[in-house]
């Protein structure tokens, strides 16, 4: 399968007062089309940073990121916006739904931003996606009328409505009970199998990792296991006191 994500020699530093926090320390990674991948690791290991770089919402301090064959560093703001709108879907752990809009309107919103589709076509697309996630009875309800699991299903529908090649999900089950979380992962797997959409989700939950076809493990900003049996990076031990 062709690669849809290629990360080469990526480092990411963040200033913190007079200090510099190194979130990623030389990451190399390839993800192929149609994979269902978990990026696993403890809090602070660099999972969200890596997803943000793949999702073009941040840029590396050093190294390169390519998404669907395009080097993100070569794109201007319009190019990055188009890549996010047409190739990527996002599922946030806090849902990020628009409170004044109902389910239909929340899911339709990316299509309005994308443009190029008339009202009837948008309606048909939204209704089909909402039905796929099992929320047709809630179509005209607002987020505050929905359970956590239902809101996450709206977020999944919104991420999928534009037909992205890649869906990024940051801790998609973090705010859900274990049964609802398992149902959400099963739904993502079903859509991955049916449509061939590449899913990349972060988690530190071992039960969620179990559902992935490939688990990429991060520790201290390094990939220690790429899920393909590649040699592990050596995580430096803390320096001994003098």
Protein backbone atom coordinates (compact mmCIF):
# COMPACT_ATOMS: atom_id res chain seq x y z
CA UNK A 1 0.00 0.00 0.00
CA UNK A 2 1.25 3.55 -0.71
CA UNK A 3 2.32 5.72 2.20
CA UNK A 4 -0.11 8.49 3.14
CA UNK A 5 2.02 9.87 5.98
CA UNK A 6 5.81 10.15 6.04
CA UNK A 7 7.65 11.73 8.96
CA UNK A 8 11.42 12.10 8.68
CA UNK A 9 13.83 13.28 11.37
CA UNK A 10 11.16 15.35 13.09
CA UNK A 11 11.97 17.35 16.19
CA UNK A 12 9.59 19.72 17.94
CA UNK A 13 10.63 22.20 20.62
CA UNK A 14 8.39 24.46 22.68
CA UNK A 15 9.65 27.45 24.70
CA UNK A 16 8.62 27.37 28.36
CA UNK A 17 9.86 30.55 30.01
CA UNK A 18 13.65 30.36 29.85
CA UNK A 19 13.54 26.63 29.17
CA UNK A 20 12.95 24.64 25.98
CA UNK A 21 10.75 21.55 26.09
CA UNK A 22 11.64 18.97 23.45
CA UNK A 23 8.35 17.23 22.66
CA UNK A 24 9.74 15.13 19.77
CA UNK A 25 13.38 14.18 19.40
CA UNK A 26 14.02 12.79 15.93
CA UNK A 27 10.95 10.83 14.84
CA UNK A 28 10.84 8.69 11.67
CA UNK A 29 7.50 7.14 10.74
CA UNK A 30 5.62 5.83 7.71
CA UNK A 31 1.89 5.07 7.70
CA UNK A 32 0.30 3.36 4.71
CA UNK A 33 -3.11 3.99 3.17
CA UNK A 34 -5.90 2.12 4.90
CA UNK A 35 -4.07 1.41 8.16
CA UNK A 36 -5.83 1.56 11.54
CA UNK A 37 -3.07 2.84 13.79
CA UNK A 38 -2.78 3.65 17.48
CA UNK A 39 -0.09 6.02 18.70
CA UNK A 40 0.39 4.93 22.29
CA UNK A 41 2.34 6.24 25.22
CA UNK A 42 2.01 7.94 28.58
CA UNK A 43 0.96 11.56 28.99
CA UNK A 44 3.76 13.85 27.82
CA UNK A 45 5.28 11.29 25.45
CA UNK A 46 4.56 13.40 22.34
CA UNK A 47 1.39 11.75 21.00
CA UNK A 48 -0.67 14.92 20.56
CA UNK A 49 2.33 16.82 19.16
CA UNK A 50 2.83 14.15 16.50
CA UNK A 51 -0.86 14.21 15.56
CA UNK A 52 -0.78 18.02 15.31
CA UNK A 53 2.18 17.86 12.94
CA UNK A 54 0.50 15.25 10.73
CA UNK A 55 -2.71 17.32 10.84
CA UNK A 56 -0.91 20.49 9.69
CA UNK A 57 -1.96 22.46 12.77
CA UNK A 58 1.68 22.81 13.83
CA UNK A 59 5.09 22.74 12.13
CA UNK A 60 8.23 20.84 13.13
CA UNK A 61 11.27 22.61 14.51
CA UNK A 62 13.35 20.31 12.35
CA UNK A 63 12.67 17.52 9.87
CA UNK A 64 9.87 16.96 7.34
CA UNK A 65 6.25 15.81 7.28
CA UNK A 66 4.50 14.65 4.09
CA UNK A 67 0.75 14.02 3.92
CA UNK A 68 -0.74 12.25 0.90
CA UNK A 69 2.46 12.91 -1.04
CA UNK A 70 2.67 16.62 -0.21
CA UNK A 71 5.51 18.04 1.87
CA UNK A 72 3.71 20.28 4.35
CA UNK A 73 6.69 22.67 4.57
CA UNK A 74 6.24 23.51 0.87
CA UNK A 75 2.62 24.67 1.30
CA UNK A 76 1.50 28.20 2.05
CA UNK A 77 -1.44 28.97 4.35
CA UNK A 78 -3.99 28.39 1.57
CA UNK A 79 -2.34 25.11 0.63
CA UNK A 80 -2.39 23.91 4.23
CA UNK A 81 -6.04 24.92 4.59
CA UNK A 82 -6.95 23.00 1.43
CA UNK A 83 -5.05 19.94 2.63
CA UNK A 84 -6.90 20.00 5.96
CA UNK A 85 -10.28 20.54 4.29
CA UNK A 86 -9.96 17.94 1.55
CA UNK A 87 -7.63 15.22 2.88
CA UNK A 88 -7.91 15.26 6.68
CA UNK A 89 -10.61 14.73 9.28
CA UNK A 90 -10.22 15.50 12.99
CA UNK A 91 -11.86 13.93 16.04
CA UNK A 92 -11.03 15.82 19.23
CA UNK A 93 -11.30 14.36 22.74
CA UNK A 94 -13.33 17.42 23.79
CA UNK A 95 -15.62 16.98 20.73
CA UNK A 96 -15.34 20.70 19.69
CA UNK A 97 -18.95 20.81 18.52
CA UNK A 98 -20.67 24.17 17.96
CA UNK A 99 -23.23 24.50 20.73
CA UNK A 100 -25.74 26.69 18.87
CA UNK A 101 -25.90 24.27 15.91
CA UNK A 102 -27.85 21.00 15.82
CA UNK A 103 -26.38 17.66 14.76
CA UNK A 104 -27.18 18.22 11.08
CA UNK A 105 -25.60 21.68 11.07
CA UNK A 106 -22.47 20.57 12.96
CA UNK A 107 -21.85 17.77 10.48
CA UNK A 108 -22.67 19.98 7.48
CA UNK A 109 -20.24 22.73 8.55
CA UNK A 110 -17.05 21.29 6.92
CA UNK A 111 -18.94 20.89 3.63
CA UNK A 112 -19.89 24.58 3.74
CA UNK A 113 -16.23 25.48 4.28
CA UNK A 114 -15.15 23.14 1.50
CA UNK A 115 -17.68 24.50 -1.01
CA UNK A 116 -18.55 23.03 -4.41
CA UNK A 117 -21.65 21.10 -3.34
CA UNK A 118 -25.25 22.25 -3.70
CA UNK A 119 -27.78 22.18 -0.85
CA UNK A 120 -29.47 18.93 -1.92
CA UNK A 121 -26.17 17.12 -2.30
CA UNK A 122 -25.01 18.38 1.11
CA UNK A 123 -28.23 17.22 2.75
CA UNK A 124 -27.93 13.75 1.21
CA UNK A 125 -24.30 13.45 2.28
CA UNK A 126 -24.94 14.62 5.85
CA UNK A 127 -27.97 12.39 6.32
CA UNK A 128 -26.07 9.34 5.03
CA UNK A 129 -23.12 9.93 7.39
CA UNK A 130 -25.36 10.64 10.40
CA UNK A 131 -27.27 7.43 9.66
CA UNK A 132 -23.96 5.52 9.45
CA UNK A 133 -23.10 6.58 13.02
CA UNK A 134 -26.61 5.77 14.25
CA UNK A 135 -27.84 9.28 15.07
CA UNK A 136 -30.71 9.89 12.65
CA UNK A 137 -33.25 10.27 15.51
CA UNK A 138 -31.03 13.03 17.00
CA UNK A 139 -30.56 14.91 13.72
CA UNK A 140 -32.13 18.15 14.99
CA UNK A 141 -30.85 18.02 18.55
CA UNK A 142 -28.11 20.31 19.85
CA UNK A 143 -24.94 19.03 21.57
CA UNK A 144 -26.22 19.82 25.09
CA UNK A 145 -29.13 17.43 24.48
CA UNK A 146 -26.81 14.50 23.67
CA UNK A 147 -24.85 12.02 25.77
CA UNK A 148 -21.05 11.93 25.63
CA UNK A 149 -21.09 8.93 23.31
CA UNK A 150 -23.60 10.61 21.00
CA UNK A 151 -21.51 13.78 20.86
CA UNK A 152 -18.45 11.73 19.96
CA UNK A 153 -20.45 10.09 17.17
CA UNK A 154 -21.33 13.56 15.86
CA UNK A 155 -17.62 14.41 15.92
CA UNK A 156 -16.86 11.24 13.94
CA UNK A 157 -19.59 12.06 11.39
CA UNK A 158 -18.22 15.60 11.02
CA UNK A 159 -14.71 14.22 10.49
CA UNK A 160 -15.92 11.79 7.80
CA UNK A 161 -18.43 13.91 5.91
CA UNK A 162 -15.86 15.38 3.50
CA UNK A 163 -14.55 11.92 2.59
CA UNK A 164 -11.01 12.45 3.95
CA UNK A 165 -8.19 10.06 3.20
CA UNK A 166 -6.92 10.31 6.79
CA UNK A 167 -8.79 10.70 10.10
CA UNK A 168 -6.83 11.85 13.15
CA UNK A 169 -8.32 11.21 16.59
CA UNK A 170 -6.71 12.56 19.75
CA UNK A 171 -7.68 10.35 22.72
CA UNK A 172 -11.15 9.73 21.19
CA UNK A 173 -12.36 7.70 24.19
CA UNK A 174 -10.84 9.79 27.00
CA UNK A 175 -14.13 11.34 28.14
CA UNK A 176 -16.28 8.23 27.69
CA UNK A 177 -17.14 5.22 29.83
CA UNK A 178 -15.45 1.96 28.83
CA UNK A 179 -18.42 0.47 26.96
CA UNK A 180 -19.15 3.65 24.98
CA UNK A 181 -15.44 4.00 24.22
CA UNK A 182 -15.30 0.44 22.89
CA UNK A 183 -18.36 1.14 20.72
CA UNK A 184 -16.68 4.25 19.27
CA UNK A 185 -13.53 2.31 18.38
CA UNK A 186 -15.63 -0.47 16.81
CA UNK A 187 -17.44 2.14 14.71
CA UNK A 188 -14.12 3.61 13.54
CA UNK A 189 -12.87 0.12 12.62
CA UNK A 190 -16.05 -0.61 10.69
CA UNK A 191 -15.69 2.60 8.66
CA UNK A 192 -12.00 1.88 8.10
CA UNK A 193 -12.81 -1.58 6.73
CA UNK A 194 -15.71 -0.37 4.57
CA UNK A 195 -14.21 2.79 3.07
CA UNK A 196 -10.44 2.23 3.39
CA UNK A 197 -10.03 5.45 5.35
CA UNK A 198 -6.74 5.65 7.25
CA UNK A 199 -7.31 6.14 10.98
CA UNK A 200 -4.56 7.40 13.29
CA UNK A 201 -5.57 7.78 16.92
CA UNK A 202 -3.65 8.49 20.09
CA UNK A 203 -4.28 6.74 23.38
CA UNK A 204 -2.65 5.60 26.60
CA UNK A 205 -5.46 3.11 27.24
CA UNK A 206 -4.30 -0.50 26.80
CA UNK A 207 -7.86 -1.67 26.12
CA UNK A 208 -8.20 0.79 23.23
CA UNK A 209 -4.79 -0.21 21.83
CA UNK A 210 -6.04 -3.79 21.57
CA UNK A 211 -8.35 -2.77 18.72
CA UNK A 212 -5.59 -1.30 16.55
CA UNK A 213 -4.02 -3.20 13.66
CA UNK A 214 -0.72 -1.51 14.47
CA UNK A 215 0.50 0.14 17.68
CA UNK A 216 3.23 2.78 17.49
CA UNK A 217 4.72 3.41 20.93
CA UNK A 218 6.21 6.74 22.00
CA UNK A 219 8.26 7.52 25.08
CA UNK A 220 9.96 10.81 25.91
CA UNK A 221 9.51 12.12 22.35
CA UNK A 222 10.98 9.04 20.67
CA UNK A 223 9.40 6.10 18.85
CA UNK A 224 10.42 3.05 20.85
CA UNK A 225 8.38 0.61 18.74
CA UNK A 226 6.95 1.39 15.30
CA UNK A 227 4.61 -1.62 15.33
CA UNK A 228 6.45 -3.28 12.46
CA UNK A 229 9.26 -4.91 14.36
CA UNK A 230 11.77 -2.15 13.56
CA UNK A 231 14.64 -1.66 16.03
CA UNK A 232 13.63 0.36 19.06
CA UNK A 233 15.08 3.77 19.79
CA UNK A 234 17.22 3.96 22.88
CA UNK A 235 15.59 6.21 25.46
CA UNK A 236 18.38 7.96 27.37
CA UNK A 237 18.44 7.24 31.09
CA UNK A 238 18.27 10.21 33.43
CA UNK A 239 21.66 11.66 34.29
CA UNK A 240 23.03 10.60 37.67
CA UNK A 241 23.52 13.35 40.23
CA UNK A 242 27.11 14.63 40.43
